[in-house]
């Protein structure tokens, strides 16, 4: 009868299995489908067997009596229906990591190179003895699901270090027959079913045909010490690889957008595309109050995002690089920004290079590239019809507006750029008087003139200044204030006292008597 046993029972069973494992046979055999040969002795990675059981010359010939350890130093490929059993019922451990060496290599994602167990299309692997899968990639290549079946009397244990990957739209089905037992503590599967007893940990994904899985919105990545069998929700439990939204890498944790925390190296060993997930993804090394950036050693910083030689990173989703080290070891790396998306480099990005060069960024037509000042200096931008703009931090104060006016000179300066005034500033009754429109518009204010009352109004979003020609008072937001000099009209131009207007617009005024120049800053 089918049972879903509580997680406490799962833990007890796992303890029991570990006890059994401690007394399993010491026989060890290595398998490498690509490079091995069944004429080898199988006792090392260099002399690995090719198959699991090829006319009784494969790996199972070493472990068939009492079980033992099968090490997938390359691919452990099962080419058709196969029943894994031992003569005396001993436990068999299948792993991609042994004796201090981790053989797991999940690239290429379409057919991982080593440390992997895979079957042919539609095949059924029947577990007829106690088997533990641990520290291995369980790879499925096709749109038609293959099956792992647990037979009567057998126990299958899948530890939380198993990584499930798929090229097609399916993962493995796990079927537990009556009398069989499965303890599943990690991975992704198309289905888990049967009349036997099975426990399923909360982190296991049952994902028929890549159905949507809720992602937490953040995840940690560390190529050096992470593992795709980790949950990726802390620096100590970081993922190793980028992966895909429906896979086991860090991108699966931001499948609906979010933050990727680079707590070590974020390394791309092959061409990679950040696919569209419909919401921005931020890559940062500063998260949760911890700054993980580590620029040492300079030739290969410990915490940075880097690409292998001649590789290309394609951006097909809105991406923000923020508070992160971007390192180029070679001079051949390229980023391609696809049409319709935006790639942003904030002003906290640190660019490092082993040889003095940095990435080339190609901007396709319809794409958007936002660059900090450092990014503009570091990157080589090839614009193929996209939109390239400057990054302006929301937390960075706006650059001040500086206006310089010299008495008697019809050329003024706004932020260093020369502008022609329609009338020169003058001094009247020891007060500097200026043509109102030039200064007001430089500070973003609007000027209105009421001919009926001879009143000039200077208006911003939060301030209205009203000055009537010849009056010794003015109004600021409706309140009457005293002027230090009255406004006047000369040569059809309205002059207002510079200090009064500037200070009520929020600007400061500095006077240089040697050059008769007033500097207004806001």
Protein backbone atom coordinates (compact mmCIF):
# COMPACT_ATOMS: atom_id res chain seq x y z
CA UNK A 1 0.00 0.00 0.00
CA UNK A 2 1.31 3.43 -0.89
CA UNK A 3 2.50 5.44 2.08
CA UNK A 4 3.98 8.90 2.52
CA UNK A 5 6.10 8.56 5.63
CA UNK A 6 6.86 11.62 7.75
CA UNK A 7 10.23 13.36 7.47
CA UNK A 8 11.19 12.19 10.97
CA UNK A 9 10.93 8.61 9.78
CA UNK A 10 12.97 9.64 6.75
CA UNK A 11 15.77 10.82 9.00
CA UNK A 12 15.69 7.55 10.96
CA UNK A 13 15.79 5.53 7.77
CA UNK A 14 18.69 7.59 6.48
CA UNK A 15 20.59 6.86 9.70
CA UNK A 16 19.88 3.20 9.19
CA UNK A 17 21.09 3.36 5.63
CA UNK A 18 24.30 5.07 6.69
CA UNK A 19 24.85 2.24 9.17
CA UNK A 20 24.40 -0.31 6.40
CA UNK A 21 26.73 1.67 4.15
CA UNK A 22 29.42 1.54 6.78
CA UNK A 23 29.42 -2.26 6.51
CA UNK A 24 28.97 -2.46 2.72
CA UNK A 25 31.53 -4.30 0.66
CA UNK A 26 34.80 -2.49 0.00
CA UNK A 27 34.74 -3.27 -3.73
CA UNK A 28 35.11 -0.13 -5.84
CA UNK A 29 34.81 0.12 -9.61
CA UNK A 30 35.13 3.14 -11.93
CA UNK A 31 32.96 3.66 -15.03
CA UNK A 32 33.56 6.02 -17.95
CA UNK A 33 31.42 5.33 -21.03
CA UNK A 34 33.35 7.75 -23.24
CA UNK A 35 36.93 6.75 -22.37
CA UNK A 36 36.71 3.43 -20.55
CA UNK A 37 36.94 -0.14 -21.81
CA UNK A 38 35.39 -3.29 -20.40
CA UNK A 39 38.76 -4.99 -20.82
CA UNK A 40 40.16 -2.60 -18.17
CA UNK A 41 40.29 -3.66 -14.53
CA UNK A 42 38.04 -0.75 -13.49
CA UNK A 43 40.09 -0.08 -10.37
CA UNK A 44 40.92 3.56 -11.17
CA UNK A 45 39.64 6.46 -13.24
CA UNK A 46 42.45 5.84 -15.74
CA UNK A 47 41.44 2.18 -16.15
CA UNK A 48 37.68 2.61 -15.90
CA UNK A 49 35.15 0.15 -17.24
CA UNK A 50 32.95 1.33 -20.13
CA UNK A 51 29.61 -0.18 -19.23
CA UNK A 52 27.56 -1.27 -16.26
CA UNK A 53 27.21 -4.86 -17.48
CA UNK A 54 28.27 -5.70 -21.02
CA UNK A 55 28.21 -9.47 -21.51
CA UNK A 56 29.32 -9.83 -17.92
CA UNK A 57 32.51 -7.81 -18.39
CA UNK A 58 31.26 -4.44 -17.09
CA UNK A 59 31.34 -2.72 -13.72
CA UNK A 60 28.80 -5.00 -12.01
CA UNK A 61 31.19 -7.93 -12.30
CA UNK A 62 33.21 -6.35 -9.50
CA UNK A 63 30.26 -5.54 -7.23
CA UNK A 64 27.80 -8.30 -8.16
CA UNK A 65 28.35 -10.45 -5.09
CA UNK A 66 28.12 -8.14 -2.07
CA UNK A 67 27.66 -4.72 -3.61
CA UNK A 68 30.17 -1.90 -3.28
CA UNK A 69 30.82 1.50 -4.82
CA UNK A 70 30.42 2.40 -8.48
CA UNK A 71 32.25 5.65 -9.27
CA UNK A 72 31.05 7.55 -12.34
CA UNK A 73 34.39 9.14 -13.22
CA UNK A 74 32.87 9.81 -16.63
CA UNK A 75 29.38 8.91 -17.85
CA UNK A 76 27.62 5.91 -16.33
CA UNK A 77 25.38 5.20 -19.32
CA UNK A 78 22.66 2.54 -19.33
CA UNK A 79 21.66 1.83 -22.92
CA UNK A 80 18.37 0.03 -22.34
CA UNK A 81 16.19 -1.59 -19.69
CA UNK A 82 18.45 -2.89 -16.93
CA UNK A 83 18.01 -4.50 -13.50
CA UNK A 84 20.63 -3.66 -10.91
CA UNK A 85 20.98 -6.42 -8.32
CA UNK A 86 23.60 -8.26 -6.30
CA UNK A 87 23.83 -11.97 -5.58
CA UNK A 88 23.81 -11.57 -1.81
CA UNK A 89 21.79 -8.41 -1.48
CA UNK A 90 24.62 -6.06 -0.49
CA UNK A 91 24.24 -2.32 -0.86
CA UNK A 92 25.50 -0.56 -3.99
CA UNK A 93 26.56 3.08 -3.79
CA UNK A 94 26.63 5.02 -7.07
CA UNK A 95 28.53 8.29 -6.87
CA UNK A 96 30.37 10.90 -8.91
CA UNK A 97 32.72 11.82 -6.07
CA UNK A 98 35.16 9.43 -4.44
CA UNK A 99 38.38 9.40 -2.47
CA UNK A 100 38.58 13.20 -2.37
CA UNK A 101 38.03 13.68 -6.12
CA UNK A 102 34.82 15.22 -7.45
CA UNK A 103 34.28 13.99 -11.00
CA UNK A 104 30.99 15.85 -11.51
CA UNK A 105 31.08 18.16 -14.52
CA UNK A 106 27.64 19.51 -15.48
CA UNK A 107 28.87 21.12 -18.72
CA UNK A 108 27.73 21.06 -21.37
CA UNK A 109 24.24 21.44 -19.97
CA UNK A 110 22.85 19.46 -22.92
CA UNK A 111 24.95 16.40 -22.02
CA UNK A 112 27.05 16.69 -18.83
CA UNK A 113 30.57 15.36 -19.26
CA UNK A 114 31.26 13.31 -16.13
CA UNK A 115 30.07 12.29 -12.71
CA UNK A 116 26.73 11.55 -14.34
CA UNK A 117 24.20 8.70 -14.58
CA UNK A 118 21.97 8.64 -17.66
CA UNK A 119 19.82 6.12 -19.50
CA UNK A 120 18.70 5.76 -23.09
CA UNK A 121 15.32 7.01 -24.31
CA UNK A 122 12.36 5.50 -22.49
CA UNK A 123 14.54 2.99 -20.60
CA UNK A 124 13.65 1.55 -17.20
CA UNK A 125 16.34 1.08 -14.55
CA UNK A 126 15.04 -1.42 -12.02
CA UNK A 127 16.56 -1.30 -8.55
CA UNK A 128 16.44 -4.85 -7.18
CA UNK A 129 18.93 -4.39 -4.33
CA UNK A 130 19.69 -1.64 -1.84
CA UNK A 131 21.10 1.31 -3.80
CA UNK A 132 22.22 4.77 -2.73
CA UNK A 133 22.67 7.57 -5.26
CA UNK A 134 24.88 10.32 -3.84
CA UNK A 135 27.07 13.16 -5.17
CA UNK A 136 26.06 12.42 -8.76
CA UNK A 137 24.30 14.12 -11.65
CA UNK A 138 21.13 12.32 -12.70
CA UNK A 139 20.68 13.39 -16.32
CA UNK A 140 17.68 12.93 -18.64
CA UNK A 141 18.15 13.65 -22.33
CA UNK A 142 14.73 13.24 -23.92
CA UNK A 143 11.16 14.54 -23.97
CA UNK A 144 9.96 11.03 -23.13
CA UNK A 145 10.48 10.28 -19.46
CA UNK A 146 12.60 7.30 -18.46
CA UNK A 147 11.85 5.39 -15.27
CA UNK A 148 13.68 4.31 -12.16
CA UNK A 149 11.68 1.44 -10.61
CA UNK A 150 12.23 0.20 -7.06
CA UNK A 151 11.40 -3.51 -6.86
CA UNK A 152 9.91 -5.50 -3.99
CA UNK A 153 12.42 -5.85 -1.16
CA UNK A 154 14.78 -3.13 -2.42
CA UNK A 155 15.54 0.25 -0.89
CA UNK A 156 16.56 3.21 -3.05
CA UNK A 157 18.10 6.19 -1.26
CA UNK A 158 18.70 9.45 -3.13
CA UNK A 159 20.65 11.93 -1.01
CA UNK A 160 20.33 15.69 -1.13
CA UNK A 161 23.62 15.95 -3.05
CA UNK A 162 22.09 14.46 -6.20
CA UNK A 163 21.62 17.00 -8.99
CA UNK A 164 18.93 16.33 -11.60
CA UNK A 165 19.46 17.85 -15.04
CA UNK A 166 17.45 17.53 -18.25
CA UNK A 167 17.91 18.40 -21.90
CA UNK A 168 14.31 17.75 -22.81
CA UNK A 169 10.97 18.49 -21.19
CA UNK A 170 11.03 15.60 -18.71
CA UNK A 171 13.00 14.26 -15.77
CA UNK A 172 12.92 10.69 -14.44
CA UNK A 173 9.77 8.99 -13.17
CA UNK A 174 10.31 7.12 -9.93
CA UNK A 175 7.98 4.16 -9.38
CA UNK A 176 8.06 2.29 -6.07
CA UNK A 177 6.52 -1.16 -6.36
CA UNK A 178 4.70 -2.78 -3.45
CA UNK A 179 7.29 -4.04 -1.01
CA UNK A 180 9.86 -1.54 -2.27
CA UNK A 181 11.01 1.56 -0.46
CA UNK A 182 12.44 4.91 -1.60
CA UNK A 183 13.99 7.70 0.47
CA UNK A 184 14.25 10.79 -1.75
CA UNK A 185 16.03 13.74 -0.21
CA UNK A 186 17.04 15.74 -3.27
CA UNK A 187 16.50 16.33 -6.96
CA UNK A 188 13.81 17.02 -9.54
CA UNK A 189 11.51 14.36 -11.00
CA UNK A 190 8.63 14.21 -13.44
CA UNK A 191 6.68 12.02 -11.03
CA UNK A 192 7.04 9.88 -7.91
CA UNK A 193 4.43 7.14 -7.52
CA UNK A 194 3.73 3.51 -6.74
CA UNK A 195 2.24 1.20 -4.10
CA UNK A 196 5.41 0.90 -2.07
CA UNK A 197 6.65 3.07 0.78
CA UNK A 198 8.41 6.33 -0.07
CA UNK A 199 9.43 9.52 1.69
CA UNK A 200 9.97 12.78 -0.14
CA UNK A 201 11.85 15.70 1.44
CA UNK A 202 10.36 19.17 1.19
CA UNK A 203 13.11 20.45 -1.14
CA UNK A 204 12.43 17.78 -3.78
CA UNK A 205 10.77 19.14 -6.91
CA UNK A 206 8.10 17.07 -8.67
CA UNK A 207 8.08 18.92 -11.95
CA UNK A 208 6.06 17.29 -14.70
CA UNK A 209 7.12 18.82 -17.99
CA UNK A 210 8.81 21.83 -16.40
CA UNK A 211 5.68 23.14 -14.71
CA UNK A 212 6.23 26.43 -12.92
CA UNK A 213 7.98 26.15 -9.56
CA UNK A 214 7.86 28.99 -7.09
CA UNK A 215 11.31 30.52 -6.73
CA UNK A 216 12.46 32.35 -3.59
CA UNK A 217 13.69 35.38 -5.56
CA UNK A 218 17.31 35.19 -4.43
CA UNK A 219 20.15 32.70 -4.53
CA UNK A 220 23.89 32.42 -3.81
CA UNK A 221 26.52 31.17 -6.25
CA UNK A 222 30.10 30.05 -5.61
CA UNK A 223 31.81 28.01 -8.30
CA UNK A 224 34.75 27.07 -6.06
CA UNK A 225 32.87 25.65 -3.08
CA UNK A 226 29.19 25.53 -4.08
CA UNK A 227 27.13 22.57 -5.26
CA UNK A 228 23.96 22.44 -7.32
CA UNK A 229 22.72 19.94 -4.77
CA UNK A 230 22.64 22.77 -2.22
CA UNK A 231 19.54 24.88 -1.70
CA UNK A 232 21.43 28.05 -2.69
CA UNK A 233 19.79 30.16 0.01
CA UNK A 234 22.95 31.08 1.91
CA UNK A 235 26.64 31.61 1.26
CA UNK A 236 27.44 28.30 2.96
CA UNK A 237 24.80 26.53 0.85
CA UNK A 238 25.63 28.25 -2.45
CA UNK A 239 24.89 26.81 -5.86
CA UNK A 240 27.85 26.07 -8.13
CA UNK A 241 26.51 26.91 -11.58
CA UNK A 242 24.12 29.30 -13.30
CA UNK A 243 21.88 26.61 -14.82
CA UNK A 244 18.38 27.38 -16.10
CA UNK A 245 15.08 28.53 -14.64
CA UNK A 246 13.87 24.94 -14.60
CA UNK A 247 17.15 23.35 -13.58
CA UNK A 248 19.20 23.12 -10.40
CA UNK A 249 21.59 26.07 -10.71
CA UNK A 250 21.19 29.48 -9.17
CA UNK A 251 18.96 30.80 -11.97
CA UNK A 252 16.23 28.40 -10.83
CA UNK A 253 16.01 30.43 -7.62
CA UNK A 254 15.30 33.65 -9.55
CA UNK A 255 12.99 32.08 -12.12
CA UNK A 256 10.61 35.02 -11.62
CA UNK A 257 13.33 37.63 -11.22
CA UNK A 258 15.33 38.60 -8.16
CA UNK A 259 18.91 38.76 -6.88
CA UNK A 260 21.86 36.46 -7.55
CA UNK A 261 24.41 36.86 -4.76
CA UNK A 262 27.94 36.17 -5.96
CA UNK A 263 29.58 35.03 -2.72
CA UNK A 264 32.56 33.44 -4.50
CA UNK A 265 33.34 33.02 -8.17
CA UNK A 266 30.47 33.12 -10.65
CA UNK A 267 32.19 31.29 -13.49
CA UNK A 268 30.89 30.58 -16.98
CA UNK A 269 32.98 27.93 -18.72
CA UNK A 270 30.91 27.91 -21.90
CA UNK A 271 28.78 30.32 -23.93
CA UNK A 272 25.73 31.13 -21.83
CA UNK A 273 22.44 32.98 -22.21
CA UNK A 274 20.59 34.61 -19.34
CA UNK A 275 17.16 33.71 -20.67
CA UNK A 276 14.08 35.88 -20.30
CA UNK A 277 12.22 35.25 -17.03
CA UNK A 278 9.99 38.29 -17.31
CA UNK A 279 11.54 40.34 -14.48
CA UNK A 280 14.96 41.91 -13.78
CA UNK A 281 17.80 39.89 -12.26
CA UNK A 282 20.42 41.72 -10.21
CA UNK A 283 23.91 40.23 -9.80
CA UNK A 284 25.66 41.54 -6.70
CA UNK A 285 28.28 40.61 -4.10
CA UNK A 286 26.76 42.79 -1.40
CA UNK A 287 23.63 41.33 0.16
CA UNK A 288 22.03 40.97 3.56
CA UNK A 289 24.53 43.35 5.15
CA UNK A 290 27.54 41.28 3.99
CA UNK A 291 30.02 42.43 1.33
CA UNK A 292 31.55 39.34 -0.29
CA UNK A 293 33.72 41.20 -2.84
CA UNK A 294 37.31 39.96 -2.71
CA UNK A 295 39.73 41.39 -5.24
CA UNK A 296 42.64 39.17 -4.21
CA UNK A 297 44.61 37.81 -5.92
CA UNK A 298 44.67 40.50 -8.59
CA UNK A 299 45.38 37.92 -11.30
CA UNK A 300 42.22 35.96 -10.46
CA UNK A 301 40.05 37.56 -7.75
CA UNK A 302 38.42 35.17 -5.30
CA UNK A 303 34.94 36.70 -5.55
CA UNK A 304 34.05 37.89 -9.04
CA UNK A 305 32.10 37.09 -12.20
CA UNK A 306 34.30 35.79 -15.01
CA UNK A 307 34.06 33.97 -18.35
CA UNK A 308 36.32 31.31 -19.83
CA UNK A 309 38.50 32.24 -22.79
CA UNK A 310 36.64 33.33 -25.94
CA UNK A 311 33.22 32.76 -24.35
CA UNK A 312 30.12 34.90 -24.84
CA UNK A 313 27.49 35.93 -22.31
CA UNK A 314 24.17 36.73 -23.99
CA UNK A 315 21.71 38.92 -22.08
CA UNK A 316 18.08 38.18 -23.04
CA UNK A 317 16.55 39.44 -19.78
CA UNK A 318 16.80 42.73 -17.93
CA UNK A 319 20.02 42.42 -15.92
CA UNK A 320 21.68 44.74 -13.40
CA UNK A 321 25.32 44.38 -12.33
CA UNK A 322 25.68 46.10 -8.96
CA UNK A 323 28.38 46.04 -6.27
CA UNK A 324 30.26 43.23 -7.95
CA UNK A 325 33.70 42.58 -9.43
CA UNK A 326 33.64 41.82 -13.16
CA UNK A 327 36.93 40.15 -14.09
CA UNK A 328 38.38 39.47 -17.52
CA UNK A 329 41.23 37.00 -17.67
CA UNK A 330 41.56 37.11 -21.43
CA UNK A 331 40.93 39.63 -24.21
CA UNK A 332 38.26 37.70 -26.09
CA UNK A 333 35.10 37.81 -23.93
CA UNK A 334 31.90 39.32 -25.29
CA UNK A 335 28.52 40.31 -23.88
CA UNK A 336 25.61 40.49 -26.31
CA UNK A 337 22.56 42.54 -25.26
CA UNK A 338 19.49 41.30 -27.11
CA UNK A 339 16.72 43.48 -28.49
CA UNK A 340 14.08 44.58 -26.01
CA UNK A 341 16.12 44.13 -22.83
CA UNK A 342 18.23 46.42 -20.65
CA UNK A 343 21.69 45.71 -19.22
CA UNK A 344 22.77 48.12 -16.47
CA UNK A 345 26.22 48.65 -14.94
CA UNK A 346 25.86 50.68 -11.74
CA UNK A 347 28.54 52.94 -10.30
CA UNK A 348 29.46 50.33 -7.68
CA UNK A 349 30.70 47.77 -10.23
CA UNK A 350 34.46 47.13 -10.05
CA UNK A 351 36.22 46.21 -13.30
CA UNK A 352 39.37 44.11 -13.06
CA UNK A 353 41.53 42.54 -15.73
CA UNK A 354 44.55 40.29 -15.84
CA UNK A 355 45.94 41.83 -19.00
CA UNK A 356 44.49 45.35 -19.06
CA UNK A 357 41.58 44.67 -21.40
CA UNK A 358 37.89 44.31 -20.63
CA UNK A 359 34.80 42.80 -22.17
CA UNK A 360 33.31 43.89 -25.48
CA UNK A 361 29.59 44.67 -25.24
CA UNK A 362 27.50 44.37 -28.40
CA UNK A 363 24.18 46.23 -28.26
CA UNK A 364 21.63 44.91 -30.74
CA UNK A 365 18.99 47.11 -32.33
CA UNK A 366 16.24 47.73 -29.79
CA UNK A 367 18.47 46.85 -26.82
CA UNK A 368 19.34 49.20 -23.97
CA UNK A 369 22.74 49.58 -22.31
CA UNK A 370 23.13 51.77 -19.21
CA UNK A 371 26.72 52.56 -18.29
CA UNK A 372 28.40 54.06 -15.25
CA UNK A 373 31.43 56.28 -15.81
CA UNK A 374 33.76 53.39 -14.93
CA UNK A 375 31.90 51.11 -17.33
CA UNK A 376 32.32 53.62 -20.14
CA UNK A 377 36.06 53.65 -19.48
CA UNK A 378 36.46 49.88 -19.11
CA UNK A 379 34.17 48.35 -21.73
CA UNK A 380 34.40 48.36 -25.50
CA UNK A 381 30.88 49.09 -26.75
CA UNK A 382 29.81 48.02 -30.23
CA UNK A 383 26.46 49.67 -30.82
CA UNK A 384 24.40 47.98 -33.54
CA UNK A 385 21.42 50.29 -33.28
CA UNK A 386 20.62 50.08 -29.59
CA UNK A 387 20.19 52.80 -26.98
CA UNK A 388 23.23 53.60 -24.81
CA UNK A 389 22.70 55.93 -21.84
CA UNK A 390 24.46 57.04 -18.67
CA UNK A 391 23.76 55.47 -15.29
CA UNK A 392 22.42 57.87 -12.66
CA UNK A 393 22.23 56.45 -9.16
CA UNK A 394 19.00 56.99 -7.27
CA UNK A 395 21.12 57.50 -4.15
CA UNK A 396 23.62 59.83 -5.78
CA UNK A 397 22.93 63.54 -5.30
CA UNK A 398 22.20 65.35 -8.52
CA UNK A 399 25.10 67.37 -9.88
CA UNK A 400 24.70 71.03 -8.82
CA UNK A 401 23.81 73.70 -11.34
CA UNK A 402 26.43 76.45 -11.39
CA UNK A 403 25.70 79.79 -13.05
CA UNK A 404 28.41 82.42 -13.48
CA UNK A 405 27.65 86.02 -14.49
CA UNK A 406 30.11 88.87 -14.90
CA UNK A 407 29.11 92.53 -14.66
CA UNK A 408 28.87 94.13 -18.09
CA UNK A 409 29.38 90.82 -19.94
CA UNK A 410 26.61 89.34 -22.12
CA UNK A 411 28.25 85.89 -21.96
CA UNK A 412 27.32 83.80 -18.94
CA UNK A 413 28.16 80.18 -18.04
CA UNK A 414 25.87 77.33 -16.95
CA UNK A 415 27.87 74.35 -15.69
CA UNK A 416 30.83 75.59 -17.70
CA UNK A 417 28.95 75.97 -20.96
CA UNK A 418 28.93 79.49 -22.43
CA UNK A 419 25.50 81.05 -22.95
CA UNK A 420 24.58 84.42 -24.45
CA UNK A 421 22.46 86.75 -22.30
CA UNK A 422 20.02 89.18 -23.87
CA UNK A 423 21.37 91.86 -21.47
CA UNK A 424 24.46 92.09 -19.27
CA UNK A 425 24.29 92.12 -15.45
CA UNK A 426 24.80 95.54 -13.87
CA UNK A 427 25.39 97.06 -10.46
CA UNK A 428 22.79 99.54 -9.21
CA UNK A 429 22.94 101.17 -5.77
CA UNK A 430 25.71 98.76 -4.70
CA UNK A 431 23.56 95.76 -5.56
CA UNK A 432 24.12 93.29 -8.38
CA UNK A 433 21.10 93.23 -10.62
CA UNK A 434 20.58 90.56 -13.25
CA UNK A 435 18.28 89.80 -16.18
CA UNK A 436 15.76 87.52 -14.52
CA UNK A 437 14.94 85.06 -17.28
CA UNK A 438 18.48 83.73 -17.83
CA UNK A 439 19.09 82.75 -14.22
CA UNK A 440 15.55 81.55 -13.51
CA UNK A 441 15.49 79.18 -16.47
CA UNK A 442 19.00 77.89 -15.66
CA UNK A 443 17.58 76.71 -12.31
CA UNK A 444 14.49 75.18 -13.89
CA UNK A 445 12.10 78.01 -12.99
CA UNK A 446 9.44 79.59 -15.17
CA UNK A 447 9.17 83.37 -15.60
CA UNK A 448 5.85 85.14 -16.16
CA UNK A 449 5.22 88.86 -16.75
CA UNK A 450 1.99 90.70 -15.84
CA UNK A 451 2.05 93.93 -17.82
CA UNK A 452 -1.09 95.29 -16.09
CA UNK A 453 0.63 95.29 -12.69
CA UNK A 454 4.28 95.41 -13.89
CA UNK A 455 4.95 92.26 -11.88
CA UNK A 456 7.49 89.53 -12.68
CA UNK A 457 6.79 86.06 -11.25
CA UNK A 458 9.48 83.37 -10.89
CA UNK A 459 7.83 79.98 -10.39
CA UNK A 460 9.14 76.51 -9.46
CA UNK A 461 7.27 73.45 -8.20
CA UNK A 462 7.44 74.65 -4.59
CA UNK A 463 8.28 78.36 -4.77
CA UNK A 464 6.61 81.42 -6.32
CA UNK A 465 8.40 84.79 -6.18
CA UNK A 466 6.44 87.90 -7.19
CA UNK A 467 8.33 91.19 -7.66
CA UNK A 468 6.70 94.41 -8.85
CA UNK A 469 8.81 96.98 -10.66
CA UNK A 470 9.87 99.81 -8.30
CA UNK A 471 8.49 98.15 -5.16
CA UNK A 472 10.64 97.73 -2.04
CA UNK A 473 8.82 94.52 -1.08
CA UNK A 474 8.09 91.24 -2.82
CA UNK A 475 6.01 88.17 -2.13
CA UNK A 476 7.43 84.67 -1.66
CA UNK A 477 4.71 82.01 -1.60
CA UNK A 478 2.25 84.74 -0.69
CA UNK A 479 4.32 86.14 2.21
CA UNK A 480 5.52 89.79 1.98
CA UNK A 481 9.28 90.25 2.36
CA UNK A 482 11.57 93.29 2.09
CA UNK A 483 13.87 93.69 -0.92
CA UNK A 484 17.43 94.99 -0.54
CA UNK A 485 17.00 96.74 -3.91
CA UNK A 486 13.90 97.36 -6.03
CA UNK A 487 13.42 95.78 -9.46
CA UNK A 488 13.59 97.97 -12.53
CA UNK A 489 13.29 97.90 -16.29
CA UNK A 490 16.13 99.09 -18.50
CA UNK A 491 16.36 98.77 -22.29
CA UNK A 492 13.16 96.69 -22.20
CA UNK A 493 14.77 94.15 -19.84
CA UNK A 494 13.57 93.40 -16.31
CA UNK A 495 16.33 93.39 -13.67
CA UNK A 496 15.96 91.77 -10.26
CA UNK A 497 18.33 91.69 -7.26
CA UNK A 498 20.49 88.57 -7.78
CA UNK A 499 20.94 87.51 -4.15
CA UNK A 500 17.24 87.77 -3.28
CA UNK A 501 16.10 85.67 -6.25
CA UNK A 502 18.90 83.10 -5.96
CA UNK A 503 18.50 82.44 -2.26
CA UNK A 504 14.72 82.13 -2.51
CA UNK A 505 15.25 79.54 -5.29
CA UNK A 506 17.51 77.56 -2.94
CA UNK A 507 20.80 78.68 -4.46
CA UNK A 508 23.88 80.18 -2.86
CA UNK A 509 25.66 83.28 -4.14
CA UNK A 510 29.40 83.96 -4.13
CA UNK A 511 30.89 87.27 -5.24
CA UNK A 512 34.39 87.70 -6.69
CA UNK A 513 35.19 91.40 -6.47
CA UNK A 514 38.44 91.03 -8.43
CA UNK A 515 36.59 89.85 -11.53
CA UNK A 516 33.16 91.33 -10.75
CA UNK A 517 31.67 87.83 -11.13
CA UNK A 518 28.70 86.37 -9.28
CA UNK A 519 28.57 82.56 -8.95
CA UNK A 520 25.17 81.04 -8.22
CA UNK A 521 25.06 77.36 -7.17
CA UNK A 522 22.04 75.13 -6.63
